[in-house]
Amino acid sequence: MRVAITGGTGFVGRHLAERLDPADTVIISRRTGVAIDDVDALAQAFTGCDVIAHCAGINREIGDQTFEHVHVEGTRAVIEAARRAGVKRIVMVSFLRARPNCGSGYHESKWAAEELVRRSGLDHTILKSGMIYGAGDHMINHVTRAVRTLPMFATVGFRERTVRPIPVEDAIDVLVAALEGRIPDSTVAVMGAEEITLGEAVRRIARVAGRMPIFFPAPVWAIRALAQLTEWTMVVPLVAKAQAHMLAEGVSEPAPFAPEPPKDIRPSRLFDDARIRAALPAGRFGRDDLRVMQWWLNRRQAASV
């Protein structure tokens, strides 16, 4: 089975590529010189492939890399390129709560992309995935660095929401099963084996990281404001606006409803100390994480040339 992976250098795409045979894997991303909206380049890359793992996506907008451009126009280009290359099957990684008219550009654009795939006429599986974690992720990475940097940590809202964290190994198991055609439903909800509150998830990460910050609940509007501030000021924001929306409503139930994969394919590993420890990053937040510092360093480098 020859597989093309869009977003192949991203978190999920990279882990999928590591699982597959390199000789039968085509990595597609801006880093490999293929833009997600370049139909001709995509069609050339897809030639000879049996299935496409469509993992490309962003959680914040930067310049022309908007949700509409990457998720919607990118998916439209992938579908057209698949037709030209004769690829008849696509597996799309979406978000658990992607849906229309919910006030989040991320959620709405992911839903629009799902609908394009459903109407494409291609054999397809859509994986509505919850919060995936592992080495190089955003959740454990940023929570760890935050609790190592700050004496306090704000939890989202005064009413605890829940999450079902998915180890990246389990997520890739499901993705491979979908690529191999072992999931009968065309749309499935992918969630972790354990449902816990967001506060408990953060406390577990902090404990494994050896930190005991003061936790306090913050209203949702304050988390949204923090998200906007950190998108403006940080190279990779502490929390993006789309993520603030996710955290405010929880990430433990699909919307709209979708069935889970067959029992022997569903995620089964727990959000335990060993898996958290394996995903812990080094260091804490510092001045290099600020956009102004990156701008200043870039100016210095340009001036020295």
C-alpha atoms as a PDB file:
ATOM      1  CA  MET A   1       0.000   0.000   0.000  1.00  0.00           C
ATOM      2  CA  ARG A   2       1.502   3.309  -1.108  1.00  0.00           C
ATOM      3  CA  VAL A   3       0.360   6.229   1.056  1.00  0.00           C
ATOM      4  CA  ALA A   4       0.583   9.978   0.460  1.00  0.00           C
ATOM      5  CA  ILE A   5       0.499  12.056   3.667  1.00  0.00           C
ATOM      6  CA  THR A   6      -0.525  15.700   3.481  1.00  0.00           C
ATOM      7  CA  GLY A   7       0.824  17.624   6.450  1.00  0.00           C
ATOM      8  CA  GLY A   8       3.468  14.915   6.580  1.00  0.00           C
ATOM      9  CA  THR A   9       5.875  16.959   8.683  1.00  0.00           C
ATOM     10  CA  GLY A  10       3.230  17.989  11.237  1.00  0.00           C
ATOM     11  CA  PHE A  11       2.582  16.258  14.544  1.00  0.00           C
ATOM     12  CA  VAL A  12       0.184  13.528  13.386  1.00  0.00           C
ATOM     13  CA  GLY A  13       1.621  13.243   9.878  1.00  0.00           C
ATOM     14  CA  ARG A  14       5.162  12.817  11.189  1.00  0.00           C
ATOM     15  CA  HIS A  15       4.158  10.039  13.571  1.00  0.00           C
ATOM     16  CA  LEU A  16       2.208   8.298  10.811  1.00  0.00           C
ATOM     17  CA  ALA A  17       5.207   8.468   8.477  1.00  0.00           C
ATOM     18  CA  GLU A  18       7.386   6.878  11.156  1.00  0.00           C
ATOM     19  CA  ARG A  19       4.947   3.954  11.370  1.00  0.00           C
ATOM     20  CA  LEU A  20       4.781   3.281   7.613  1.00  0.00           C
ATOM     21  CA  ASP A  21       7.315   1.811   5.208  1.00  0.00           C
ATOM     22  CA  PRO A  22       9.428   4.762   3.949  1.00  0.00           C
ATOM     23  CA  ALA A  23       9.673   3.164   0.511  1.00  0.00           C
ATOM     24  CA  ASP A  24       5.877   3.356   0.121  1.00  0.00           C
ATOM     25  CA  THR A  25       5.280   6.728   1.758  1.00  0.00           C
ATOM     26  CA  VAL A  26       5.079  10.137   0.085  1.00  0.00           C
ATOM     27  CA  ILE A  27       5.494  13.117   2.443  1.00  0.00           C
ATOM     28  CA  ILE A  28       3.685  16.266   1.349  1.00  0.00           C
ATOM     29  CA  SER A  29       4.069  19.617   3.084  1.00  0.00           C
ATOM     30  CA  ARG A  30       5.337  23.121   2.486  1.00  0.00           C
ATOM     31  CA  ARG A  31       8.673  21.954   3.863  1.00  0.00           C
ATOM     32  CA  THR A  32       8.959  19.399   1.074  1.00  0.00           C
ATOM     33  CA  GLY A  33       8.054  22.016  -1.523  1.00  0.00           C
ATOM     34  CA  VAL A  34       4.417  21.104  -2.223  1.00  0.00           C
ATOM     35  CA  ALA A  35       1.779  23.654  -1.258  1.00  0.00           C
ATOM     36  CA  ILE A  36      -1.581  22.331  -0.119  1.00  0.00           C
ATOM     37  CA  ASP A  37      -3.398  24.389  -2.784  1.00  0.00           C
ATOM     38  CA  ASP A  38      -1.154  23.428  -5.740  1.00  0.00           C
ATOM     39  CA  VAL A  39      -3.305  20.913  -7.605  1.00  0.00           C
ATOM     40  CA  ASP A  40      -0.702  20.141 -10.257  1.00  0.00           C
ATOM     41  CA  ALA A  41       2.070  19.465  -7.718  1.00  0.00           C
ATOM     42  CA  LEU A  42      -0.282  17.430  -5.541  1.00  0.00           C
ATOM     43  CA  ALA A  43      -1.440  15.322  -8.492  1.00  0.00           C
ATOM     44  CA  GLN A  44       2.150  14.591  -9.415  1.00  0.00           C
ATOM     45  CA  ALA A  45       2.952  13.601  -5.816  1.00  0.00           C
ATOM     46  CA  PHE A  46      -0.159  11.392  -5.589  1.00  0.00           C
ATOM     47  CA  THR A  47       0.637   9.455  -8.767  1.00  0.00           C
ATOM     48  CA  GLY A  48       1.053   5.770  -7.980  1.00  0.00           C
ATOM     49  CA  CYS A  49      -0.473   6.081  -4.488  1.00  0.00           C
ATOM     50  CA  ASP A  50      -3.297   3.866  -3.282  1.00  0.00           C
ATOM     51  CA  VAL A  51      -4.635   6.131  -0.533  1.00  0.00           C
ATOM     52  CA  ILE A  52      -4.186   9.654   0.833  1.00  0.00           C
ATOM     53  CA  ALA A  53      -3.878  10.409   4.554  1.00  0.00           C
ATOM     54  CA  HIS A  54      -5.084  14.006   4.664  1.00  0.00           C
ATOM     55  CA  CYS A  55      -3.503  15.260   7.895  1.00  0.00           C
ATOM     56  CA  ALA A  56      -2.800  18.868   6.874  1.00  0.00           C
ATOM     57  CA  GLY A  57      -4.214  21.501   9.213  1.00  0.00           C
ATOM     58  CA  ILE A  58      -3.465  24.555  11.338  1.00  0.00           C
ATOM     59  CA  ASN A  59      -4.747  25.678  14.749  1.00  0.00           C
ATOM     60  CA  ARG A  60      -4.128  29.390  14.218  1.00  0.00           C
ATOM     61  CA  GLU A  61      -4.078  31.734  11.241  1.00  0.00           C
ATOM     62  CA  ILE A  62      -0.833  33.399  10.130  1.00  0.00           C
ATOM     63  CA  GLY A  63      -0.818  35.630   7.063  1.00  0.00           C
ATOM     64  CA  ASP A  64      -2.287  33.823   4.067  1.00  0.00           C
ATOM     65  CA  GLN A  65      -2.364  30.548   5.990  1.00  0.00           C
ATOM     66  CA  THR A  66      -5.996  30.961   7.016  1.00  0.00           C
ATOM     67  CA  PHE A  67      -8.436  28.273   8.095  1.00  0.00           C
ATOM     68  CA  GLU A  68     -10.376  28.783   4.867  1.00  0.00           C
ATOM     69  CA  HIS A  69      -7.246  28.517   2.726  1.00  0.00           C
ATOM     70  CA  VAL A  70      -5.646  25.498   4.422  1.00  0.00           C
ATOM     71  CA  HIS A  71      -8.658  23.468   5.516  1.00  0.00           C
ATOM     72  CA  VAL A  72     -11.237  24.229   2.830  1.00  0.00           C
ATOM     73  CA  GLU A  73      -9.309  25.245  -0.285  1.00  0.00           C
ATOM     74  CA  GLY A  74      -6.554  22.778   0.597  1.00  0.00           C
ATOM     75  CA  THR A  75      -9.024  19.904   0.876  1.00  0.00           C
ATOM     76  CA  ARG A  76     -10.677  20.917  -2.398  1.00  0.00           C
ATOM     77  CA  ALA A  77      -7.253  20.832  -4.080  1.00  0.00           C
ATOM     78  CA  VAL A  78      -6.412  17.443  -2.539  1.00  0.00           C
ATOM     79  CA  ILE A  79      -9.665  15.956  -3.845  1.00  0.00           C
ATOM     80  CA  GLU A  80      -9.114  17.321  -7.358  1.00  0.00           C
ATOM     81  CA  ALA A  81      -5.506  16.128  -7.375  1.00  0.00           C
ATOM     82  CA  ALA A  82      -6.606  12.678  -6.199  1.00  0.00           C
ATOM     83  CA  ARG A  83      -9.029  12.449  -9.116  1.00  0.00           C
ATOM     84  CA  ARG A  84      -6.324  13.456 -11.609  1.00  0.00           C
ATOM     85  CA  ALA A  85      -3.864  10.944 -10.151  1.00  0.00           C
ATOM     86  CA  GLY A  86      -6.408   8.134 -10.044  1.00  0.00           C
ATOM     87  CA  VAL A  87      -6.344   7.779  -6.242  1.00  0.00           C
ATOM     88  CA  LYS A  88      -9.735   6.503  -5.158  1.00  0.00           C
ATOM     89  CA  ARG A  89      -9.484   6.582  -1.360  1.00  0.00           C
ATOM     90  CA  ILE A  90      -8.846   9.329   1.189  1.00  0.00           C
ATOM     91  CA  VAL A  91      -8.656   9.286   4.985  1.00  0.00           C
ATOM     92  CA  MET A  92      -9.119  12.710   6.541  1.00  0.00           C
ATOM     93  CA  VAL A  93      -8.077  13.687  10.064  1.00  0.00           C
ATOM     94  CA  SER A  94     -10.624  16.197  11.353  1.00  0.00           C
ATOM     95  CA  PHE A  95     -11.585  17.465  14.810  1.00  0.00           C
ATOM     96  CA  LEU A  96     -13.986  15.771  17.224  1.00  0.00           C
ATOM     97  CA  ARG A  97     -16.300  18.780  17.475  1.00  0.00           C
ATOM     98  CA  ALA A  98     -15.963  20.228  13.967  1.00  0.00           C
ATOM     99  CA  ARG A  99     -19.399  21.515  13.007  1.00  0.00           C
ATOM    100  CA  PRO A 100     -21.079  24.480  11.290  1.00  0.00           C
ATOM    101  CA  ASN A 101     -22.305  27.723  12.828  1.00  0.00           C
ATOM    102  CA  CYS A 102     -20.518  27.408  16.163  1.00  0.00           C
ATOM    103  CA  GLY A 103     -18.565  30.677  16.208  1.00  0.00           C
ATOM    104  CA  SER A 104     -15.110  29.181  15.606  1.00  0.00           C
ATOM    105  CA  GLY A 105     -13.402  29.483  12.233  1.00  0.00           C
ATOM    106  CA  TYR A 106     -11.340  26.403  13.011  1.00  0.00           C
ATOM    107  CA  HIS A 107     -14.326  24.177  13.769  1.00  0.00           C
ATOM    108  CA  GLU A 108     -16.407  25.519  10.871  1.00  0.00           C
ATOM    109  CA  SER A 109     -13.620  25.176   8.290  1.00  0.00           C
ATOM    110  CA  LYS A 110     -12.846  21.622   9.407  1.00  0.00           C
ATOM    111  CA  TRP A 111     -16.543  20.802   9.001  1.00  0.00           C
ATOM    112  CA  ALA A 112     -16.593  22.374   5.533  1.00  0.00           C
ATOM    113  CA  ALA A 113     -13.597  20.210   4.615  1.00  0.00           C
ATOM    114  CA  GLU A 114     -15.387  17.106   5.919  1.00  0.00           C
ATOM    115  CA  GLU A 115     -18.369  17.912   3.712  1.00  0.00           C
ATOM    116  CA  LEU A 116     -16.134  18.287   0.656  1.00  0.00           C
ATOM    117  CA  VAL A 117     -14.733  14.817   1.297  1.00  0.00           C
ATOM    118  CA  ARG A 118     -18.218  13.343   1.814  1.00  0.00           C
ATOM    119  CA  ARG A 119     -19.406  14.806  -1.496  1.00  0.00           C
ATOM    120  CA  SER A 120     -16.226  13.955  -3.407  1.00  0.00           C
ATOM    121  CA  GLY A 121     -17.347  10.577  -4.696  1.00  0.00           C
ATOM    122  CA  LEU A 122     -14.111   9.077  -3.350  1.00  0.00           C
ATOM    123  CA  ASP A 123     -14.063   6.152  -0.961  1.00  0.00           C
ATOM    124  CA  HIS A 124     -13.327   7.856   2.349  1.00  0.00           C
ATOM    125  CA  THR A 125     -13.038   7.686   6.110  1.00  0.00           C
ATOM    126  CA  ILE A 126     -13.240  10.821   8.248  1.00  0.00           C
ATOM    127  CA  LEU A 127     -11.628  10.586  11.675  1.00  0.00           C
ATOM    128  CA  LYS A 128     -13.139  13.156  14.038  1.00  0.00           C
ATOM    129  CA  SER A 129     -10.278  13.084  16.524  1.00  0.00           C
ATOM    130  CA  GLY A 130     -10.118  14.546  20.001  1.00  0.00           C
ATOM    131  CA  MET A 131      -7.028  15.855  21.784  1.00  0.00           C
ATOM    132  CA  ILE A 132      -3.961  13.879  20.673  1.00  0.00           C
ATOM    133  CA  TYR A 133      -0.824  14.007  22.808  1.00  0.00           C
ATOM    134  CA  GLY A 134       2.748  12.767  22.619  1.00  0.00           C
ATOM    135  CA  ALA A 135       6.297  13.966  22.098  1.00  0.00           C
ATOM    136  CA  GLY A 136       6.194  17.215  20.133  1.00  0.00           C
ATOM    137  CA  ASP A 137       2.507  17.927  20.760  1.00  0.00           C
ATOM    138  CA  HIS A 138       1.016  21.234  21.848  1.00  0.00           C
ATOM    139  CA  MET A 139      -0.888  20.257  25.000  1.00  0.00           C
ATOM    140  CA  ILE A 140       1.772  18.615  27.151  1.00  0.00           C
ATOM    141  CA  ASN A 141       4.515  20.776  25.657  1.00  0.00           C
ATOM    142  CA  HIS A 142       2.904  24.089  26.535  1.00  0.00           C
ATOM    143  CA  VAL A 143       1.392  23.083  29.867  1.00  0.00           C
ATOM    144  CA  THR A 144       4.778  21.765  31.012  1.00  0.00           C
ATOM    145  CA  ARG A 145       6.686  24.848  29.942  1.00  0.00           C
ATOM    146  CA  ALA A 146       4.016  27.096  31.484  1.00  0.00           C
ATOM    147  CA  VAL A 147       4.112  25.434  34.923  1.00  0.00           C
ATOM    148  CA  ARG A 148       7.911  25.539  34.867  1.00  0.00           C
ATOM    149  CA  THR A 149       7.784  29.284  34.141  1.00  0.00           C
ATOM    150  CA  LEU A 150       4.854  30.633  36.143  1.00  0.00           C
ATOM    151  CA  PRO A 151       3.817  30.152  39.803  1.00  0.00           C
ATOM    152  CA  MET A 152       0.107  30.104  38.894  1.00  0.00           C
ATOM    153  CA  PHE A 153      -1.958  28.396  36.232  1.00  0.00           C
ATOM    154  CA  ALA A 154      -5.499  29.295  35.153  1.00  0.00           C
ATOM    155  CA  THR A 155      -8.023  26.572  34.394  1.00  0.00           C
ATOM    156  CA  VAL A 156     -10.828  27.248  31.926  1.00  0.00           C
ATOM    157  CA  GLY A 157     -14.167  28.364  33.308  1.00  0.00           C
ATOM    158  CA  PHE A 158     -15.899  27.858  36.643  1.00  0.00           C
ATOM    159  CA  ARG A 159     -17.574  24.625  35.518  1.00  0.00           C
ATOM    160  CA  GLU A 160     -15.106  21.867  34.737  1.00  0.00           C
ATOM    161  CA  ARG A 161     -15.182  20.452  31.210  1.00  0.00           C
ATOM    162  CA  THR A 162     -13.816  17.061  30.320  1.00  0.00           C
ATOM    163  CA  VAL A 163     -11.368  15.660  27.801  1.00  0.00           C
ATOM    164  CA  ARG A 164     -10.445  12.183  26.588  1.00  0.00           C
ATOM    165  CA  PRO A 165      -6.733  12.492  25.732  1.00  0.00           C
ATOM    166  CA  ILE A 166      -5.515  10.192  22.960  1.00  0.00           C
ATOM    167  CA  PRO A 167      -1.913   8.915  22.980  1.00  0.00           C
ATOM    168  CA  VAL A 168      -0.467   9.535  19.539  1.00  0.00           C
ATOM    169  CA  GLU A 169       0.335   5.814  19.286  1.00  0.00           C
ATOM    170  CA  ASP A 170      -3.385   5.017  19.588  1.00  0.00           C
ATOM    171  CA  ALA A 171      -4.325   7.741  17.131  1.00  0.00           C
ATOM    172  CA  ILE A 172      -1.909   6.298  14.580  1.00  0.00           C
ATOM    173  CA  ASP A 173      -3.298   2.788  15.175  1.00  0.00           C
ATOM    174  CA  VAL A 174      -6.747   4.095  14.212  1.00  0.00           C
ATOM    175  CA  LEU A 175      -5.373   6.027  11.245  1.00  0.00           C
ATOM    176  CA  VAL A 176      -3.552   2.974   9.889  1.00  0.00           C
ATOM    177  CA  ALA A 177      -6.712   0.884  10.325  1.00  0.00           C
ATOM    178  CA  ALA A 178      -8.623   3.480   8.318  1.00  0.00           C
ATOM    179  CA  LEU A 179      -5.965   3.508   5.585  1.00  0.00           C
ATOM    180  CA  GLU A 180      -6.243  -0.273   5.375  1.00  0.00           C
ATOM    181  CA  GLY A 181     -10.049  -0.097   5.104  1.00  0.00           C
ATOM    182  CA  ARG A 182     -10.713  -1.808   8.433  1.00  0.00           C
ATOM    183  CA  ILE A 183     -13.192   0.799   9.718  1.00  0.00           C
ATOM    184  CA  PRO A 184     -16.697   0.199   8.308  1.00  0.00           C
ATOM    185  CA  ASP A 185     -18.209   3.629   9.041  1.00  0.00           C
ATOM    186  CA  SER A 186     -17.338   6.568   6.808  1.00  0.00           C
ATOM    187  CA  THR A 187     -17.133   8.968   9.785  1.00  0.00           C
ATOM    188  CA  VAL A 188     -15.969   7.936  13.267  1.00  0.00           C
ATOM    189  CA  ALA A 189     -15.210   9.699  16.542  1.00  0.00           C
ATOM    190  CA  VAL A 190     -11.720   8.995  17.888  1.00  0.00           C
ATOM    191  CA  MET A 191     -11.431   9.544  21.658  1.00  0.00           C
ATOM    192  CA  GLY A 192      -9.120   8.353  24.397  1.00  0.00           C
ATOM    193  CA  ALA A 193      -9.955   5.511  26.772  1.00  0.00           C
ATOM    194  CA  GLU A 194     -10.105   7.757  29.872  1.00  0.00           C
ATOM    195  CA  GLU A 195     -12.379  10.759  30.465  1.00  0.00           C
ATOM    196  CA  ILE A 196     -11.037  13.303  32.953  1.00  0.00           C
ATOM    197  CA  THR A 197     -11.564  16.966  33.695  1.00  0.00           C
ATOM    198  CA  LEU A 198      -9.281  19.450  32.008  1.00  0.00           C
ATOM    199  CA  GLY A 199      -8.094  20.547  35.444  1.00  0.00           C
ATOM    200  CA  GLU A 200      -7.087  17.001  36.337  1.00  0.00           C
ATOM    201  CA  ALA A 201      -5.226  16.645  33.031  1.00  0.00           C
ATOM    202  CA  VAL A 202      -3.217  19.796  33.763  1.00  0.00           C
ATOM    203  CA  ARG A 203      -2.514  18.701  37.353  1.00  0.00           C
ATOM    204  CA  ARG A 204      -1.199  15.340  36.172  1.00  0.00           C
ATOM    205  CA  ILE A 205       1.146  17.028  33.715  1.00  0.00           C
ATOM    206  CA  ALA A 206       2.366  19.473  36.375  1.00  0.00           C
ATOM    207  CA  ARG A 207       2.965  16.683  38.894  1.00  0.00           C
ATOM    208  CA  VAL A 208       4.957  14.572  36.441  1.00  0.00           C
ATOM    209  CA  ALA A 209       6.922  17.706  35.498  1.00  0.00           C
ATOM    210  CA  GLY A 210       7.775  18.204  39.186  1.00  0.00           C
ATOM    211  CA  ARG A 211       5.842  21.437  39.656  1.00  0.00           C
ATOM    212  CA  MET A 212       3.013  22.477  41.996  1.00  0.00           C
ATOM    213  CA  PRO A 213       1.668  25.833  40.776  1.00  0.00           C
ATOM    214  CA  ILE A 214      -1.361  27.499  42.304  1.00  0.00           C
ATOM    215  CA  PHE A 215      -4.365  26.569  40.161  1.00  0.00           C
ATOM    216  CA  PHE A 216      -7.302  28.935  39.902  1.00  0.00           C
ATOM    217  CA  PRO A 217     -10.399  29.013  37.685  1.00  0.00           C
ATOM    218  CA  ALA A 218     -10.619  31.831  35.158  1.00  0.00           C
ATOM    219  CA  PRO A 219     -13.727  32.870  33.227  1.00  0.00           C
ATOM    220  CA  VAL A 220     -13.881  31.770  29.609  1.00  0.00           C
ATOM    221  CA  TRP A 221     -13.688  35.361  28.369  1.00  0.00           C
ATOM    222  CA  ALA A 222     -10.362  35.759  30.166  1.00  0.00           C
ATOM    223  CA  ILE A 223      -8.953  32.627  28.478  1.00  0.00           C
ATOM    224  CA  ARG A 224     -10.142  33.939  25.112  1.00  0.00           C
ATOM    225  CA  ALA A 225      -8.422  37.251  25.813  1.00  0.00           C
ATOM    226  CA  LEU A 226      -5.246  35.417  26.819  1.00  0.00           C
ATOM    227  CA  ALA A 227      -5.414  33.450  23.576  1.00  0.00           C
ATOM    228  CA  GLN A 228      -5.628  36.634  21.523  1.00  0.00           C
ATOM    229  CA  LEU A 229      -2.761  38.201  23.474  1.00  0.00           C
ATOM    230  CA  THR A 230      -0.481  35.188  23.091  1.00  0.00           C
ATOM    231  CA  GLU A 231      -1.290  34.879  19.368  1.00  0.00           C
ATOM    232  CA  TRP A 232      -0.123  38.474  19.016  1.00  0.00           C
ATOM    233  CA  THR A 233       2.998  38.150  21.144  1.00  0.00           C
ATOM    234  CA  MET A 234       4.315  34.559  20.997  1.00  0.00           C
ATOM    235  CA  VAL A 235       5.938  32.594  18.183  1.00  0.00           C
ATOM    236  CA  VAL A 236       3.802  29.599  19.199  1.00  0.00           C
ATOM    237  CA  PRO A 237       0.993  30.902  21.434  1.00  0.00           C
ATOM    238  CA  LEU A 238       0.469  29.493  24.904  1.00  0.00           C
ATOM    239  CA  VAL A 239      -3.116  28.922  23.813  1.00  0.00           C
ATOM    240  CA  ALA A 240      -4.609  29.732  20.403  1.00  0.00           C
ATOM    241  CA  LYS A 241      -8.090  31.179  19.976  1.00  0.00           C
ATOM    242  CA  ALA A 242      -9.324  27.947  18.404  1.00  0.00           C
ATOM    243  CA  GLN A 243      -7.939  25.997  21.357  1.00  0.00           C
ATOM    244  CA  ALA A 244      -9.641  28.346  23.814  1.00  0.00           C
ATOM    245  CA  HIS A 245     -12.929  27.522  22.103  1.00  0.00           C
ATOM    246  CA  MET A 246     -12.156  23.800  22.380  1.00  0.00           C
ATOM    247  CA  LEU A 247     -11.286  24.009  26.069  1.00  0.00           C
ATOM    248  CA  ALA A 248     -14.373  26.076  26.879  1.00  0.00           C
ATOM    249  CA  GLU A 249     -16.716  23.353  25.628  1.00  0.00           C
ATOM    250  CA  GLY A 250     -14.666  20.246  26.416  1.00  0.00           C
ATOM    251  CA  VAL A 251     -13.224  17.613  24.117  1.00  0.00           C
ATOM    252  CA  SER A 252     -14.964  14.402  25.131  1.00  0.00           C
ATOM    253  CA  GLU A 253     -18.041  14.112  22.890  1.00  0.00           C
ATOM    254  CA  PRO A 254     -18.345  14.289  19.105  1.00  0.00           C
ATOM    255  CA  ALA A 255     -20.457  17.006  17.542  1.00  0.00           C
ATOM    256  CA  PRO A 256     -22.430  16.103  15.563  1.00  0.00           C
ATOM    257  CA  PHE A 257     -22.689  12.510  16.728  1.00  0.00           C
ATOM    258  CA  ALA A 258     -20.423   9.945  15.108  1.00  0.00           C
ATOM    259  CA  PRO A 259     -19.870   6.342  16.187  1.00  0.00           C
ATOM    260  CA  GLU A 260     -16.558   5.151  17.591  1.00  0.00           C
ATOM    261  CA  PRO A 261     -14.386   2.701  15.628  1.00  0.00           C
ATOM    262  CA  PRO A 262     -14.772  -1.046  16.285  1.00  0.00           C
ATOM    263  CA  LYS A 263     -13.713  -2.028  19.812  1.00  0.00           C
ATOM    264  CA  ASP A 264     -10.493  -3.726  18.723  1.00  0.00           C
ATOM    265  CA  ILE A 265      -9.378  -0.503  16.999  1.00  0.00           C
ATOM    266  CA  ARG A 266     -10.408   2.116  19.580  1.00  0.00           C
ATOM    267  CA  PRO A 267      -7.740   3.856  21.683  1.00  0.00           C
ATOM    268  CA  SER A 268      -7.035   1.878  24.852  1.00  0.00           C
ATOM    269  CA  ARG A 269      -3.988   3.435  26.545  1.00  0.00           C
ATOM    270  CA  LEU A 270      -4.538   5.653  29.600  1.00  0.00           C
ATOM    271  CA  PHE A 271      -3.333   9.186  30.240  1.00  0.00           C
ATOM    272  CA  ASP A 272      -0.806   7.938  32.769  1.00  0.00           C
ATOM    273  CA  ASP A 273       2.487   9.142  34.223  1.00  0.00           C
ATOM    274  CA  ALA A 274       4.679   7.072  31.898  1.00  0.00           C
ATOM    275  CA  ARG A 275       3.095   8.454  28.729  1.00  0.00           C
ATOM    276  CA  ILE A 276       3.064  12.003  30.081  1.00  0.00           C
ATOM    277  CA  ARG A 277       6.740  11.684  31.058  1.00  0.00           C
ATOM    278  CA  ALA A 278       7.660  10.418  27.596  1.00  0.00           C
ATOM    279  CA  ALA A 279       6.114  13.548  26.073  1.00  0.00           C
ATOM    280  CA  LEU A 280       7.645  16.139  28.424  1.00  0.00           C
ATOM    281  CA  PRO A 281       9.691  18.812  26.640  1.00  0.00           C
ATOM    282  CA  ALA A 282      12.903  20.358  27.903  1.00  0.00           C
ATOM    283  CA  GLY A 283      13.056  23.884  29.315  1.00  0.00           C
ATOM    284  CA  ARG A 284      10.520  26.574  30.006  1.00  0.00           C
ATOM    285  CA  PHE A 285       9.185  29.674  28.283  1.00  0.00           C
ATOM    286  CA  GLY A 286      11.746  32.394  27.654  1.00  0.00           C
ATOM    287  CA  ARG A 287      12.382  35.483  25.586  1.00  0.00           C
ATOM    288  CA  ASP A 288      13.018  33.412  22.443  1.00  0.00           C
ATOM    289  CA  ASP A 289       9.340  32.469  22.507  1.00  0.00           C
ATOM    290  CA  LEU A 290       8.354  36.108  21.971  1.00  0.00           C
ATOM    291  CA  ARG A 291       7.654  37.313  18.435  1.00  0.00           C
ATOM    292  CA  VAL A 292       9.369  40.619  19.098  1.00  0.00           C
ATOM    293  CA  MET A 293      12.564  38.776  19.996  1.00  0.00           C
ATOM    294  CA  GLN A 294      12.390  36.751  16.793  1.00  0.00           C
ATOM    295  CA  TRP A 295      11.841  39.970  14.826  1.00  0.00           C
ATOM    296  CA  TRP A 296      14.846  41.581  16.501  1.00  0.00           C
ATOM    297  CA  LEU A 297      17.077  38.556  15.866  1.00  0.00           C
ATOM    298  CA  ASN A 298      16.002  38.450  12.213  1.00  0.00           C
ATOM    299  CA  ARG A 299      16.850  42.146  11.845  1.00  0.00           C
ATOM    300  CA  ARG A 300      20.294  41.575  13.371  1.00  0.00           C
ATOM    301  CA  GLN A 301      20.960  38.677  11.042  1.00  0.00           C
ATOM    302  CA  ALA A 302      19.861  40.709   8.015  1.00  0.00           C
ATOM    303  CA  ALA A 303      22.072  43.614   9.070  1.00  0.00           C
ATOM    304  CA  SER A 304      25.107  41.355   9.452  1.00  0.00           C
ATOM    305  CA  VAL A 305      24.871  39.992   5.911  1.00  0.00           C
END
